[in-house]
């Protein structure tokens, strides 16, 4: 994978997550911090599975299995 692809996908995720946080705030919803795992099955974002590292798909605070 090219570094530019990885950097671009991380930037995309940052922007998408920030957009979702702002939309929730404007709708008066309680704050919640989305994780990349939330976007695994979103239609149109399947390409992210091929680009982002598996560690980024882990819910916040969980370690990948097999880690030390």
C-alpha atoms as a PDB file:
ATOM      1  CA  UNK A   1       0.000   0.000   0.000  1.00  0.00           C
ATOM      2  CA  UNK A   2       1.209   3.460  -0.775  1.00  0.00           C
ATOM      3  CA  UNK A   3       1.735   5.896   2.048  1.00  0.00           C
ATOM      4  CA  UNK A   4      -0.436   8.411   0.237  1.00  0.00           C
ATOM      5  CA  UNK A   5      -3.339   5.926   0.169  1.00  0.00           C
ATOM      6  CA  UNK A   6      -2.999   5.274   3.882  1.00  0.00           C
ATOM      7  CA  UNK A   7      -2.709   8.968   4.722  1.00  0.00           C
ATOM      8  CA  UNK A   8      -5.672   9.795   2.493  1.00  0.00           C
ATOM      9  CA  UNK A   9      -7.864   7.130   4.061  1.00  0.00           C
ATOM     10  CA  UNK A  10      -6.951   8.314   7.566  1.00  0.00           C
ATOM     11  CA  UNK A  11      -7.807  11.882   6.575  1.00  0.00           C
ATOM     12  CA  UNK A  12     -11.108  10.682   5.096  1.00  0.00           C
ATOM     13  CA  UNK A  13     -11.966   8.854   8.329  1.00  0.00           C
ATOM     14  CA  UNK A  14     -11.082  11.902  10.438  1.00  0.00           C
ATOM     15  CA  UNK A  15     -13.321  14.136   8.341  1.00  0.00           C
ATOM     16  CA  UNK A  16     -16.176  11.611   8.262  1.00  0.00           C
ATOM     17  CA  UNK A  17     -16.063  11.048  12.023  1.00  0.00           C
ATOM     18  CA  UNK A  18     -15.890  14.792  12.701  1.00  0.00           C
ATOM     19  CA  UNK A  19     -18.880  15.365  10.408  1.00  0.00           C
ATOM     20  CA  UNK A  20     -20.872  12.727  12.301  1.00  0.00           C
ATOM     21  CA  UNK A  21     -19.939  14.236  15.677  1.00  0.00           C
ATOM     22  CA  UNK A  22     -20.959  17.725  14.508  1.00  0.00           C
ATOM     23  CA  UNK A  23     -24.247  16.461  13.049  1.00  0.00           C
ATOM     24  CA  UNK A  24     -25.090  14.781  16.353  1.00  0.00           C
ATOM     25  CA  UNK A  25     -24.240  17.937  18.273  1.00  0.00           C
ATOM     26  CA  UNK A  26     -26.430  20.072  16.023  1.00  0.00           C
ATOM     27  CA  UNK A  27     -29.277  17.571  16.425  1.00  0.00           C
ATOM     28  CA  UNK A  28     -28.959  17.856  20.212  1.00  0.00           C
ATOM     29  CA  UNK A  29     -27.809  14.279  20.680  1.00  0.00           C
ATOM     30  CA  UNK A  30     -25.608  13.182  23.543  1.00  0.00           C
ATOM     31  CA  UNK A  31     -21.932  13.235  22.566  1.00  0.00           C
ATOM     32  CA  UNK A  32     -20.495   9.964  21.426  1.00  0.00           C
ATOM     33  CA  UNK A  33     -17.131   9.380  19.843  1.00  0.00           C
ATOM     34  CA  UNK A  34     -17.401   7.131  16.791  1.00  0.00           C
ATOM     35  CA  UNK A  35     -14.595   4.731  15.955  1.00  0.00           C
ATOM     36  CA  UNK A  36     -13.488   3.474  12.561  1.00  0.00           C
ATOM     37  CA  UNK A  37     -15.159   0.146  13.435  1.00  0.00           C
ATOM     38  CA  UNK A  38     -18.524   1.908  13.132  1.00  0.00           C
ATOM     39  CA  UNK A  39     -17.937   2.401   9.426  1.00  0.00           C
ATOM     40  CA  UNK A  40     -17.112  -1.212   8.498  1.00  0.00           C
ATOM     41  CA  UNK A  41     -20.536  -1.928   7.042  1.00  0.00           C
ATOM     42  CA  UNK A  42     -21.567   1.523   5.833  1.00  0.00           C
ATOM     43  CA  UNK A  43     -22.627   1.248   2.178  1.00  0.00           C
ATOM     44  CA  UNK A  44     -20.063   2.870  -0.076  1.00  0.00           C
ATOM     45  CA  UNK A  45     -17.214   2.643   2.436  1.00  0.00           C
ATOM     46  CA  UNK A  46     -16.264  -0.984   1.846  1.00  0.00           C
ATOM     47  CA  UNK A  47     -12.954   0.165   0.350  1.00  0.00           C
ATOM     48  CA  UNK A  48     -11.785   1.230   3.801  1.00  0.00           C
ATOM     49  CA  UNK A  49     -11.477  -2.425   4.849  1.00  0.00           C
ATOM     50  CA  UNK A  50      -8.754  -2.901   2.258  1.00  0.00           C
ATOM     51  CA  UNK A  51      -6.760   0.183   3.202  1.00  0.00           C
ATOM     52  CA  UNK A  52      -6.888   0.747   6.938  1.00  0.00           C
ATOM     53  CA  UNK A  53      -4.847  -1.392   9.307  1.00  0.00           C
ATOM     54  CA  UNK A  54      -6.775  -3.974  11.350  1.00  0.00           C
ATOM     55  CA  UNK A  55      -5.651  -2.243  14.551  1.00  0.00           C
ATOM     56  CA  UNK A  56      -7.684   0.811  13.569  1.00  0.00           C
ATOM     57  CA  UNK A  57     -10.877  -1.284  13.404  1.00  0.00           C
ATOM     58  CA  UNK A  58     -10.673  -2.191  17.085  1.00  0.00           C
ATOM     59  CA  UNK A  59     -13.203  -0.424  19.294  1.00  0.00           C
ATOM     60  CA  UNK A  60     -11.536   2.237  21.432  1.00  0.00           C
ATOM     61  CA  UNK A  61      -9.655   0.816  24.399  1.00  0.00           C
ATOM     62  CA  UNK A  62      -9.470  -2.763  23.128  1.00  0.00           C
ATOM     63  CA  UNK A  63      -6.256  -4.437  22.074  1.00  0.00           C
ATOM     64  CA  UNK A  64      -6.122  -6.642  18.987  1.00  0.00           C
ATOM     65  CA  UNK A  65      -6.135 -10.356  19.786  1.00  0.00           C
ATOM     66  CA  UNK A  66      -2.734 -11.984  19.846  1.00  0.00           C
ATOM     67  CA  UNK A  67      -1.036  -8.862  21.222  1.00  0.00           C
ATOM     68  CA  UNK A  68       1.447  -8.857  24.076  1.00  0.00           C
END
